């Protein structure tokens, strides 16, 4: 199994930056598909970004150009660098992982078997 622990959330001003980290343990390795989702109060959990075992990345339209997902396989850690933050980025951010190299619907939260506990990101205007 895989255990995920997020860190790096907090409070930022609009236009500022934060970097989230997600450390994986257990059945780790470069084959993991790893992604970030977020959930704002009263809203459904939504896809943010994903990085495949190939290193390919995909982003939600709302964050493309502002957020960057990356991974360090030696440290079993995935990062989400968030720049030009907006108040609408405020949410609990969750790290997700799946052992499959090929996840059919990478933007769907139901495709991921492992989740972190979440970290709060608050962006003030």
C-alpha atoms as a PDB file:
ATOM      1  CA  UNK A   1       0.000   0.000   0.000  1.00  0.00           C
ATOM      2  CA  UNK A   2       0.926   3.653  -0.230  1.00  0.00           C
ATOM      3  CA  UNK A   3       0.866   6.289   2.474  1.00  0.00           C
ATOM      4  CA  UNK A   4       0.854   9.973   1.512  1.00  0.00           C
ATOM      5  CA  UNK A   5       1.643  12.951   3.723  1.00  0.00           C
ATOM      6  CA  UNK A   6       1.201  16.505   2.466  1.00  0.00           C
ATOM      7  CA  UNK A   7       2.900  19.599   3.800  1.00  0.00           C
ATOM      8  CA  UNK A   8       3.483  23.194   2.809  1.00  0.00           C
ATOM      9  CA  UNK A   9       0.024  24.684   2.970  1.00  0.00           C
ATOM     10  CA  UNK A  10      -0.708  27.953   4.668  1.00  0.00           C
ATOM     11  CA  UNK A  11      -1.742  31.522   4.108  1.00  0.00           C
ATOM     12  CA  UNK A  12      -0.624  33.599   1.140  1.00  0.00           C
ATOM     13  CA  UNK A  13      -1.619  36.893  -0.370  1.00  0.00           C
ATOM     14  CA  UNK A  14      -3.027  37.139  -3.851  1.00  0.00           C
ATOM     15  CA  UNK A  15      -0.169  37.089  -6.308  1.00  0.00           C
ATOM     16  CA  UNK A  16       2.031  35.178  -3.901  1.00  0.00           C
ATOM     17  CA  UNK A  17       3.434  31.665  -3.988  1.00  0.00           C
ATOM     18  CA  UNK A  18       3.352  28.473  -1.993  1.00  0.00           C
ATOM     19  CA  UNK A  19       4.901  25.058  -2.546  1.00  0.00           C
ATOM     20  CA  UNK A  20       3.173  21.907  -1.458  1.00  0.00           C
ATOM     21  CA  UNK A  21       4.973  18.632  -0.901  1.00  0.00           C
ATOM     22  CA  UNK A  22       3.642  15.097  -0.778  1.00  0.00           C
ATOM     23  CA  UNK A  23       5.875  12.386   0.613  1.00  0.00           C
ATOM     24  CA  UNK A  24       4.986   8.823  -0.318  1.00  0.00           C
ATOM     25  CA  UNK A  25       5.926   5.716   1.614  1.00  0.00           C
ATOM     26  CA  UNK A  26       5.132   2.042   1.304  1.00  0.00           C
ATOM     27  CA  UNK A  27       4.838   0.719  -2.239  1.00  0.00           C
ATOM     28  CA  UNK A  28       6.577   3.666  -3.779  1.00  0.00           C
ATOM     29  CA  UNK A  29       8.515   4.063  -6.940  1.00  0.00           C
ATOM     30  CA  UNK A  30       8.688   5.961 -10.173  1.00  0.00           C
ATOM     31  CA  UNK A  31       5.695   4.013 -11.523  1.00  0.00           C
ATOM     32  CA  UNK A  32       3.236   5.831  -9.324  1.00  0.00           C
ATOM     33  CA  UNK A  33       0.792   8.154 -10.991  1.00  0.00           C
ATOM     34  CA  UNK A  34       0.601  11.101  -8.618  1.00  0.00           C
ATOM     35  CA  UNK A  35      -1.724  14.040  -8.641  1.00  0.00           C
ATOM     36  CA  UNK A  36      -3.139  16.949  -6.729  1.00  0.00           C
ATOM     37  CA  UNK A  37      -6.789  17.688  -6.171  1.00  0.00           C
ATOM     38  CA  UNK A  38      -8.473  20.404  -4.169  1.00  0.00           C
ATOM     39  CA  UNK A  39     -11.765  20.964  -2.451  1.00  0.00           C
ATOM     40  CA  UNK A  40     -13.186  24.320  -1.505  1.00  0.00           C
ATOM     41  CA  UNK A  41     -15.995  24.675   1.053  1.00  0.00           C
ATOM     42  CA  UNK A  42     -19.326  23.647  -0.407  1.00  0.00           C
ATOM     43  CA  UNK A  43     -17.750  22.411  -3.631  1.00  0.00           C
ATOM     44  CA  UNK A  44     -16.792  19.062  -5.036  1.00  0.00           C
ATOM     45  CA  UNK A  45     -13.220  17.863  -5.107  1.00  0.00           C
ATOM     46  CA  UNK A  46     -11.585  18.953  -8.348  1.00  0.00           C
ATOM     47  CA  UNK A  47      -8.536  17.987 -10.326  1.00  0.00           C
ATOM     48  CA  UNK A  48      -5.533  20.302 -10.198  1.00  0.00           C
ATOM     49  CA  UNK A  49      -2.537  18.533 -11.729  1.00  0.00           C
ATOM     50  CA  UNK A  50      -1.021  15.111 -12.314  1.00  0.00           C
ATOM     51  CA  UNK A  51       2.396  13.737 -13.155  1.00  0.00           C
ATOM     52  CA  UNK A  52       2.800  10.353 -14.798  1.00  0.00           C
ATOM     53  CA  UNK A  53       5.609   7.841 -14.457  1.00  0.00           C
ATOM     54  CA  UNK A  54       6.969   9.172 -17.753  1.00  0.00           C
ATOM     55  CA  UNK A  55       7.239  12.652 -16.282  1.00  0.00           C
ATOM     56  CA  UNK A  56       4.384  13.942 -18.412  1.00  0.00           C
ATOM     57  CA  UNK A  57       2.212  16.489 -16.683  1.00  0.00           C
ATOM     58  CA  UNK A  58      -1.358  17.660 -17.063  1.00  0.00           C
ATOM     59  CA  UNK A  59      -3.103  20.620 -15.495  1.00  0.00           C
ATOM     60  CA  UNK A  60      -6.567  21.945 -14.943  1.00  0.00           C
ATOM     61  CA  UNK A  61      -7.262  24.944 -17.132  1.00  0.00           C
ATOM     62  CA  UNK A  62      -7.742  27.116 -14.057  1.00  0.00           C
ATOM     63  CA  UNK A  63      -4.151  26.590 -12.880  1.00  0.00           C
ATOM     64  CA  UNK A  64      -2.232  26.055 -16.104  1.00  0.00           C
ATOM     65  CA  UNK A  65       0.600  28.504 -16.402  1.00  0.00           C
ATOM     66  CA  UNK A  66       0.548  29.269 -12.682  1.00  0.00           C
ATOM     67  CA  UNK A  67       1.087  25.889 -11.029  1.00  0.00           C
ATOM     68  CA  UNK A  68       3.839  23.372 -11.686  1.00  0.00           C
ATOM     69  CA  UNK A  69       3.841  19.746 -10.600  1.00  0.00           C
ATOM     70  CA  UNK A  70       7.120  17.875 -10.293  1.00  0.00           C
ATOM     71  CA  UNK A  71       8.494  14.766  -8.654  1.00  0.00           C
ATOM     72  CA  UNK A  72      11.702  13.592  -7.077  1.00  0.00           C
ATOM     73  CA  UNK A  73      11.728   9.816  -7.413  1.00  0.00           C
ATOM     74  CA  UNK A  74      14.778   9.466  -5.161  1.00  0.00           C
ATOM     75  CA  UNK A  75      12.827  11.114  -2.341  1.00  0.00           C
ATOM     76  CA  UNK A  76       9.449   9.598  -3.277  1.00  0.00           C
ATOM     77  CA  UNK A  77       8.042  13.096  -3.191  1.00  0.00           C
ATOM     78  CA  UNK A  78       5.828  15.112  -5.505  1.00  0.00           C
ATOM     79  CA  UNK A  79       5.622  18.882  -5.381  1.00  0.00           C
ATOM     80  CA  UNK A  80       3.112  21.495  -6.435  1.00  0.00           C
ATOM     81  CA  UNK A  81       4.613  24.929  -6.952  1.00  0.00           C
ATOM     82  CA  UNK A  82       1.814  27.467  -6.915  1.00  0.00           C
ATOM     83  CA  UNK A  83       2.531  30.948  -8.232  1.00  0.00           C
ATOM     84  CA  UNK A  84       0.326  33.949  -8.910  1.00  0.00           C
ATOM     85  CA  UNK A  85      -2.133  32.668  -6.368  1.00  0.00           C
ATOM     86  CA  UNK A  86      -5.718  33.873  -6.464  1.00  0.00           C
ATOM     87  CA  UNK A  87      -8.376  33.908  -3.743  1.00  0.00           C
ATOM     88  CA  UNK A  88     -10.256  31.260  -5.716  1.00  0.00           C
ATOM     89  CA  UNK A  89      -7.326  28.900  -5.170  1.00  0.00           C
ATOM     90  CA  UNK A  90      -8.345  28.702  -1.519  1.00  0.00           C
ATOM     91  CA  UNK A  91      -9.110  25.066  -0.718  1.00  0.00           C
ATOM     92  CA  UNK A  92      -7.880  21.969   1.001  1.00  0.00           C
ATOM     93  CA  UNK A  93      -5.329  20.398  -1.298  1.00  0.00           C
ATOM     94  CA  UNK A  94      -5.036  16.635  -1.442  1.00  0.00           C
ATOM     95  CA  UNK A  95      -2.271  14.485  -2.827  1.00  0.00           C
ATOM     96  CA  UNK A  96      -3.420  11.362  -4.636  1.00  0.00           C
ATOM     97  CA  UNK A  97      -1.613   8.341  -6.010  1.00  0.00           C
ATOM     98  CA  UNK A  98      -2.288   5.195  -7.954  1.00  0.00           C
ATOM     99  CA  UNK A  99      -0.054   2.209  -8.571  1.00  0.00           C
ATOM    100  CA  UNK A 100      -1.058   1.896 -12.199  1.00  0.00           C
ATOM    101  CA  UNK A 101       1.220   3.380 -14.806  1.00  0.00           C
ATOM    102  CA  UNK A 102      -1.753   4.116 -17.018  1.00  0.00           C
ATOM    103  CA  UNK A 103      -4.735   5.629 -15.255  1.00  0.00           C
ATOM    104  CA  UNK A 104      -7.632   5.840 -17.735  1.00  0.00           C
ATOM    105  CA  UNK A 105      -9.177   9.038 -16.403  1.00  0.00           C
ATOM    106  CA  UNK A 106      -6.399  10.965 -14.721  1.00  0.00           C
ATOM    107  CA  UNK A 107      -8.609  13.937 -13.859  1.00  0.00           C
ATOM    108  CA  UNK A 108     -11.165  11.821 -12.001  1.00  0.00           C
ATOM    109  CA  UNK A 109     -10.672  11.509  -8.260  1.00  0.00           C
ATOM    110  CA  UNK A 110     -12.346   8.087  -8.279  1.00  0.00           C
ATOM    111  CA  UNK A 111      -9.396   6.692 -10.242  1.00  0.00           C
ATOM    112  CA  UNK A 112      -6.962   7.149  -7.376  1.00  0.00           C
ATOM    113  CA  UNK A 113      -6.669   4.600  -4.600  1.00  0.00           C
ATOM    114  CA  UNK A 114      -4.472   6.487  -2.178  1.00  0.00           C
ATOM    115  CA  UNK A 115      -4.972   9.879  -0.613  1.00  0.00           C
ATOM    116  CA  UNK A 116      -3.218  12.152   1.812  1.00  0.00           C
ATOM    117  CA  UNK A 117      -4.931  13.895   4.691  1.00  0.00           C
ATOM    118  CA  UNK A 118      -5.013  17.249   2.930  1.00  0.00           C
ATOM    119  CA  UNK A 119      -3.389  20.593   3.592  1.00  0.00           C
ATOM    120  CA  UNK A 120      -5.178  23.934   3.773  1.00  0.00           C
ATOM    121  CA  UNK A 121      -4.261  26.701   1.366  1.00  0.00           C
ATOM    122  CA  UNK A 122      -5.799  30.106   1.989  1.00  0.00           C
ATOM    123  CA  UNK A 123      -5.243  33.027  -0.361  1.00  0.00           C
ATOM    124  CA  UNK A 124      -6.259  36.461   0.832  1.00  0.00           C
ATOM    125  CA  UNK A 125      -7.172  39.295  -1.513  1.00  0.00           C
END
